[in-house]
Amino acid sequence: MKIHNHDTSLPELLNCPFCGEKPTAFLQGNEYSKKRLITIKCPKCLIQRRVGAILQPTAWLESKAIQLWNNRI
């Protein structure tokens, strides 16, 4: 699952580490807003990861959010 389809270099979101469900991603803000926030959330068990940034490009924020969601420590 990609947050935006325009960047094919972004990795796919992995399934939820707790229940295996496909996550959904929501972007608040855009390139013209000062603050941006991406929430990746599992619709089944409701676990979520939020990543926000001020004055960072949306592409950077998307890659950071996917990286943090996919990190399985």
Protein backbone atom coordinates (compact mmCIF):
# COMPACT_ATOMS: atom_id res chain seq x y z
CA MET A 1 0.00 0.00 0.00
CA LYS A 2 1.34 3.39 -0.97
CA ILE A 3 0.31 6.66 0.60
CA HIS A 4 0.58 8.36 -2.79
CA ASN A 5 0.81 6.55 -6.09
CA HIS A 6 3.05 9.18 -7.70
CA ASP A 7 6.29 7.97 -6.07
CA THR A 8 7.19 4.41 -7.03
CA SER A 9 10.42 4.51 -5.00
CA LEU A 10 8.51 4.31 -1.71
CA PRO A 11 8.42 0.85 -0.13
CA GLU A 12 5.15 -0.95 0.50
CA LEU A 13 3.55 -0.77 3.94
CA LEU A 14 3.80 -4.07 5.77
CA ASN A 15 0.73 -5.60 7.38
CA CYS A 16 -0.03 -4.90 11.03
CA PRO A 17 2.55 -6.61 13.28
CA PHE A 18 -0.16 -7.58 15.78
CA CYS A 19 -3.08 -8.89 13.72
CA GLY A 20 -1.80 -9.05 10.11
CA GLU A 21 -4.43 -6.67 8.69
CA LYS A 22 -3.60 -4.20 5.88
CA PRO A 23 -3.04 -0.70 7.33
CA THR A 24 -4.56 2.52 6.04
CA ALA A 25 -2.68 5.80 5.76
CA PHE A 26 -3.99 9.35 6.08
CA LEU A 27 -2.14 12.53 5.14
CA GLN A 28 -3.11 15.81 6.81
CA GLY A 29 -1.74 18.92 5.13
CA ASN A 30 0.00 19.30 1.78
CA GLU A 31 3.04 20.94 0.19
CA TYR A 32 1.54 24.37 0.87
CA SER A 33 0.72 23.90 4.54
CA LYS A 34 3.34 24.54 7.19
CA LYS A 35 2.68 21.35 9.17
CA ARG A 36 2.10 17.87 7.77
CA LEU A 37 1.02 14.70 9.58
CA ILE A 38 0.73 11.11 8.38
CA THR A 39 -1.19 8.54 10.40
CA ILE A 40 -0.81 4.85 9.55
CA LYS A 41 -3.50 2.83 11.31
CA CYS A 42 -4.66 -0.76 11.46
CA PRO A 43 -8.45 -0.86 10.93
CA LYS A 44 -8.81 -4.11 12.91
CA CYS A 45 -6.83 -3.63 16.14
CA LEU A 46 -6.59 0.20 15.87
CA ILE A 47 -2.84 0.39 16.55
CA GLN A 48 -1.39 3.46 14.85
CA ARG A 49 1.82 5.32 14.12
CA ARG A 50 1.78 9.10 13.62
CA VAL A 51 4.62 11.01 12.03
CA GLY A 52 4.59 14.78 11.72
CA ALA A 53 6.95 17.36 10.33
CA ILE A 54 7.19 21.08 9.97
CA LEU A 55 8.53 22.43 6.68
CA GLN A 56 9.67 19.02 5.42
CA PRO A 57 8.59 17.85 1.95
CA THR A 58 5.67 15.43 1.82
CA ALA A 59 7.84 12.81 0.08
CA TRP A 60 10.29 12.87 3.02
CA LEU A 61 7.45 12.51 5.49
CA GLU A 62 5.91 9.61 3.55
CA SER A 63 9.19 7.69 3.43
CA LYS A 64 9.83 8.32 7.15
CA ALA A 65 6.31 7.16 8.12
CA ILE A 66 6.61 3.97 6.06
CA GLN A 67 10.10 3.29 7.45
CA LEU A 68 8.87 3.66 11.04
CA TRP A 69 5.76 1.51 10.47
CA ASN A 70 7.76 -1.24 8.77
CA ASN A 71 10.45 -1.27 11.48
CA ARG A 72 9.97 -4.52 13.43
CA ILE A 73 12.13 -4.32 16.53
